[in-house]
C-alpha atoms as a PDB file:
ATOM      1  CA  MET A   1      54.419 -53.439 -17.997  1.00  0.00           C
ATOM      2  CA  PRO A   2      52.524 -50.849 -19.578  1.00  0.00           C
ATOM      3  CA  LYS A   3      49.967 -48.915 -17.452  1.00  0.00           C
ATOM      4  CA  MET A   4      46.402 -49.508 -17.752  1.00  0.00           C
ATOM      5  CA  VAL A   5      44.034 -46.603 -18.120  1.00  0.00           C
ATOM      6  CA  ASP A   6      40.438 -46.818 -17.506  1.00  0.00           C
ATOM      7  CA  LYS A   7      39.066 -44.859 -20.550  1.00  0.00           C
ATOM      8  CA  THR A   8      35.505 -45.213 -19.595  1.00  0.00           C
ATOM      9  CA  ASN A   9      35.986 -43.026 -16.441  1.00  0.00           C
ATOM     10  CA  SER A  10      38.249 -40.405 -18.367  1.00  0.00           C
ATOM     11  CA  ALA A  11      35.680 -40.450 -21.147  1.00  0.00           C
ATOM     12  CA  VAL A  12      32.792 -39.202 -18.684  1.00  0.00           C
ATOM     13  CA  VAL A  13      35.244 -36.833 -16.966  1.00  0.00           C
ATOM     14  CA  GLU A  14      36.060 -35.245 -20.508  1.00  0.00           C
ATOM     15  CA  ASP A  15      32.121 -35.211 -21.497  1.00  0.00           C
ATOM     16  CA  THR A  16      31.440 -33.511 -18.515  1.00  0.00           C
ATOM     17  CA  ARG A  17      34.146 -30.807 -19.048  1.00  0.00           C
ATOM     18  CA  ASN A  18      32.929 -30.498 -22.608  1.00  0.00           C
ATOM     19  CA  ASP A  19      29.349 -29.852 -21.330  1.00  0.00           C
ATOM     20  CA  VAL A  20      30.475 -27.279 -18.932  1.00  0.00           C
ATOM     21  CA  VAL A  21      32.798 -25.349 -21.616  1.00  0.00           C
ATOM     22  CA  LEU A  22      29.907 -25.856 -24.295  1.00  0.00           C
ATOM     23  CA  ASP A  23      27.378 -24.065 -21.462  1.00  0.00           C
ATOM     24  CA  ASP A  24      29.812 -21.289 -21.080  1.00  0.00           C
ATOM     25  CA  VAL A  25      30.343 -20.834 -24.824  1.00  0.00           C
ATOM     26  CA  THR A  26      26.569 -20.702 -25.178  1.00  0.00           C
ATOM     27  CA  GLU A  27      26.331 -18.181 -22.334  1.00  0.00           C
ATOM     28  CA  ASN A  28      28.920 -15.919 -23.746  1.00  0.00           C
ATOM     29  CA  LEU A  29      27.124 -16.116 -27.117  1.00  0.00           C
ATOM     30  CA  ASN A  30      23.671 -15.343 -25.889  1.00  0.00           C
ATOM     31  CA  ARG A  31      25.398 -12.437 -24.009  1.00  0.00           C
ATOM     32  CA  LEU A  32      26.916 -11.049 -27.354  1.00  0.00           C
ATOM     33  CA  MET A  33      23.660 -11.630 -29.113  1.00  0.00           C
ATOM     34  CA  HIS A  34      21.657  -9.771 -26.382  1.00  0.00           C
ATOM     35  CA  ALA A  35      24.461  -7.239 -25.540  1.00  0.00           C
ATOM     36  CA  GLY A  36      21.621  -4.433 -25.392  1.00  0.00           C
ATOM     37  CA  LEU A  37      20.004  -6.454 -22.670  1.00  0.00           C
ATOM     38  CA  TYR A  38      22.934  -7.207 -20.623  1.00  0.00           C
ATOM     39  CA  GLY A  39      24.212  -3.500 -20.927  1.00  0.00           C
ATOM     40  CA  ILE A  40      21.316  -1.954 -19.032  1.00  0.00           C
ATOM     41  CA  GLU A  41      22.194  -1.097 -15.655  1.00  0.00           C
ATOM     42  CA  SER A  42      18.726  -1.036 -14.121  1.00  0.00           C
ATOM     43  CA  PRO A  43      17.517  -4.485 -13.349  1.00  0.00           C
ATOM     44  CA  ILE A  44      14.204  -3.140 -13.532  1.00  0.00           C
ATOM     45  CA  GLU A  45      14.636  -1.739 -17.046  1.00  0.00           C
ATOM     46  CA  ARG A  46      16.381  -5.154 -17.751  1.00  0.00           C
ATOM     47  CA  ALA A  47      13.040  -6.799 -16.731  1.00  0.00           C
ATOM     48  CA  MET A  48      10.728  -4.743 -18.681  1.00  0.00           C
ATOM     49  CA  GLU A  49      13.199  -5.285 -21.718  1.00  0.00           C
ATOM     50  CA  LEU A  50      12.348  -9.002 -21.283  1.00  0.00           C
ATOM     51  CA  ILE A  51       8.860  -9.323 -20.401  1.00  0.00           C
ATOM     52  CA  GLY A  52       7.392  -5.836 -20.245  1.00  0.00           C
ATOM     53  CA  ASP A  53       5.547  -5.992 -23.792  1.00  0.00           C
ATOM     54  CA  LYS A  54       1.846  -6.502 -23.890  1.00  0.00           C
ATOM     55  CA  TYR A  55       0.760 -10.213 -23.542  1.00  0.00           C
ATOM     56  CA  SER A  56       3.962 -11.710 -22.224  1.00  0.00           C
ATOM     57  CA  PHE A  57       2.838 -11.838 -18.513  1.00  0.00           C
ATOM     58  CA  GLN A  58      -0.377 -13.654 -19.696  1.00  0.00           C
ATOM     59  CA  ILE A  59       1.454 -16.200 -21.671  1.00  0.00           C
ATOM     60  CA  ILE A  60       3.727 -16.922 -18.724  1.00  0.00           C
ATOM     61  CA  HIS A  61       0.864 -16.906 -16.447  1.00  0.00           C
ATOM     62  CA  ILE A  62      -1.200 -19.479 -18.623  1.00  0.00           C
ATOM     63  CA  LEU A  63       1.963 -21.931 -19.271  1.00  0.00           C
ATOM     64  CA  SER A  64       2.289 -21.677 -15.542  1.00  0.00           C
ATOM     65  CA  GLN A  65      -1.075 -22.983 -14.751  1.00  0.00           C
ATOM     66  CA  PHE A  66      -1.519 -25.583 -17.827  1.00  0.00           C
ATOM     67  CA  ASP A  67       2.190 -27.011 -17.896  1.00  0.00           C
ATOM     68  CA  CYS A  68       2.166 -26.830 -21.781  1.00  0.00           C
ATOM     69  CA  GLN A  69      -0.230 -25.353 -24.404  1.00  0.00           C
ATOM     70  CA  ARG A  70      -0.515 -25.312 -28.155  1.00  0.00           C
ATOM     71  CA  PHE A  71      -0.374 -22.128 -30.151  1.00  0.00           C
ATOM     72  CA  VAL A  72      -4.346 -22.335 -30.545  1.00  0.00           C
ATOM     73  CA  GLU A  73      -5.013 -22.909 -26.975  1.00  0.00           C
ATOM     74  CA  LEU A  74      -3.058 -19.533 -25.934  1.00  0.00           C
ATOM     75  CA  GLU A  75      -4.402 -17.781 -28.684  1.00  0.00           C
ATOM     76  CA  GLN A  76      -8.101 -18.819 -27.206  1.00  0.00           C
ATOM     77  CA  GLN A  77      -7.222 -17.703 -23.620  1.00  0.00           C
ATOM     78  CA  ILE A  78      -5.705 -14.111 -24.634  1.00  0.00           C
ATOM     79  CA  PRO A  79      -8.733 -11.932 -25.660  1.00  0.00           C
ATOM     80  CA  GLY A  80      -7.753  -9.657 -28.586  1.00  0.00           C
ATOM     81  CA  ILE A  81      -4.458 -11.142 -29.441  1.00  0.00           C
ATOM     82  CA  SER A  82      -3.591 -11.916 -33.253  1.00  0.00           C
ATOM     83  CA  PRO A  83      -1.913 -14.576 -34.344  1.00  0.00           C
ATOM     84  CA  ARG A  84       1.062 -12.852 -35.661  1.00  0.00           C
ATOM     85  CA  THR A  85       1.546 -10.954 -32.150  1.00  0.00           C
ATOM     86  CA  LEU A  86       1.469 -14.340 -30.350  1.00  0.00           C
ATOM     87  CA  SER A  87       3.747 -15.498 -32.666  1.00  0.00           C
ATOM     88  CA  ALA A  88       6.147 -12.719 -32.332  1.00  0.00           C
ATOM     89  CA  ARG A  89       5.809 -12.820 -28.312  1.00  0.00           C
ATOM     90  CA  LEU A  90       6.532 -16.687 -28.150  1.00  0.00           C
ATOM     91  CA  LYS A  91       9.546 -16.161 -30.506  1.00  0.00           C
ATOM     92  CA  HIS A  92      10.703 -13.436 -27.976  1.00  0.00           C
ATOM     93  CA  LEU A  93      10.091 -15.567 -24.768  1.00  0.00           C
ATOM     94  CA  GLU A  94      12.091 -18.440 -26.508  1.00  0.00           C
ATOM     95  CA  LYS A  95      15.002 -16.211 -27.519  1.00  0.00           C
ATOM     96  CA  PHE A  96      15.402 -15.291 -23.886  1.00  0.00           C
ATOM     97  CA  ARG A  97      15.001 -19.199 -22.851  1.00  0.00           C
ATOM     98  CA  LEU A  98      11.833 -18.370 -20.765  1.00  0.00           C
ATOM     99  CA  ILE A  99       9.681 -20.822 -22.852  1.00  0.00           C
ATOM    100  CA  ASN A 100      10.552 -23.926 -24.901  1.00  0.00           C
ATOM    101  CA  ARG A 101       8.793 -24.815 -27.977  1.00  0.00           C
ATOM    102  CA  HIS A 102       8.782 -28.288 -29.028  1.00  0.00           C
ATOM    103  CA  GLN A 103       7.753 -29.398 -32.480  1.00  0.00           C
ATOM    104  CA  PHE A 104       6.403 -32.933 -33.319  1.00  0.00           C
ATOM    105  CA  SER A 105       6.896 -34.400 -36.597  1.00  0.00           C
ATOM    106  CA  THR A 106       3.105 -35.096 -37.253  1.00  0.00           C
ATOM    107  CA  ILE A 107       0.822 -33.819 -39.929  1.00  0.00           C
ATOM    108  CA  PRO A 108      -0.523 -31.736 -39.329  1.00  0.00           C
ATOM    109  CA  PRO A 109       2.324 -30.133 -37.434  1.00  0.00           C
ATOM    110  CA  LYS A 110       1.948 -29.989 -33.689  1.00  0.00           C
ATOM    111  CA  VAL A 111       3.743 -27.539 -31.532  1.00  0.00           C
ATOM    112  CA  GLU A 112       3.734 -27.163 -27.677  1.00  0.00           C
ATOM    113  CA  TYR A 113       5.201 -24.438 -25.540  1.00  0.00           C
ATOM    114  CA  LYS A 114       6.198 -25.018 -21.910  1.00  0.00           C
ATOM    115  CA  LEU A 115       8.283 -22.844 -19.379  1.00  0.00           C
ATOM    116  CA  THR A 116      11.834 -23.227 -18.541  1.00  0.00           C
ATOM    117  CA  GLU A 117      13.362 -23.439 -15.538  1.00  0.00           C
ATOM    118  CA  ARG A 118      13.719 -19.393 -15.797  1.00  0.00           C
ATOM    119  CA  GLY A 119      10.323 -19.020 -16.872  1.00  0.00           C
ATOM    120  CA  ARG A 120       8.902 -21.225 -13.836  1.00  0.00           C
ATOM    121  CA  ASP A 121      10.960 -19.116 -11.294  1.00  0.00           C
ATOM    122  CA  LEU A 122       9.533 -15.765 -13.078  1.00  0.00           C
ATOM    123  CA  ALA A 123       6.041 -17.194 -12.755  1.00  0.00           C
ATOM    124  CA  THR A 124       6.597 -17.398  -8.896  1.00  0.00           C
ATOM    125  CA  THR A 125       7.426 -13.785  -9.003  1.00  0.00           C
ATOM    126  CA  LEU A 126       4.160 -13.196 -11.134  1.00  0.00           C
ATOM    127  CA  LYS A 127       2.269 -15.027  -8.531  1.00  0.00           C
ATOM    128  CA  THR A 128       3.478 -12.470  -5.912  1.00  0.00           C
ATOM    129  CA  LEU A 129       2.297  -9.639  -8.141  1.00  0.00           C
ATOM    130  CA  GLU A 130      -0.760 -11.173  -8.616  1.00  0.00           C
ATOM    131  CA  SER A 131      -1.459 -11.470  -4.961  1.00  0.00           C
ATOM    132  CA  TRP A 132      -0.313  -7.512  -4.395  1.00  0.00           C
ATOM    133  CA  VAL A 133      -2.717  -6.355  -7.185  1.00  0.00           C
ATOM    134  CA  ASN A 134      -5.577  -8.467  -5.714  1.00  0.00           C
ATOM    135  CA  THR A 135      -4.801  -7.121  -2.252  1.00  0.00           C
ATOM    136  CA  TRP A 136      -4.480  -3.462  -3.100  1.00  0.00           C
ATOM    137  CA  TYR A 137      -6.508  -3.148  -6.267  1.00  0.00           C
ATOM    138  CA  PRO A 138      -9.294  -5.864  -6.349  1.00  0.00           C
ATOM    139  CA  TYR A 139     -11.334  -6.721  -9.106  1.00  0.00           C
ATOM    140  CA  THR A 140     -14.789  -4.954  -8.752  1.00  0.00           C
ATOM    141  CA  PRO A 141     -17.264  -5.748 -11.866  1.00  0.00           C
ATOM    142  CA  ALA A 142     -18.919  -2.766 -13.514  1.00  0.00           C
ATOM    143  CA  SER A 143     -22.646  -2.462 -12.145  1.00  0.00           C
ATOM    144  CA  VAL A 144     -25.326  -3.108 -14.700  1.00  0.00           C
END
């Protein structure tokens, strides 16, 4: 008598294995694409390479407060940023998977930005930095 094989269960196991392999391949490709980042020995220098440019902290802070934002909303909340610079910073943060960009198929096109799990974890660290700055270097408005 032939053996009966439960293909449903084996398909689920196979899909799970494929997902794990795909995640490993994706991570390895990201390491190759960003070899310069992973090749920096100092963790502080790696962090600065990721988010040390002007406005990246602000973008992450805003997205942590409002969950998701559209391009124009971000632009309005960051004084002095040009659309070109904002676009470059968003692409940079997306490249390193700190934010997700979701484009809706509407006219006019609608795009929203959200923090990824990595971005939310970084936002927690930024809250600590914010607390430290407020403790040691509190805001004091200039007298008129």
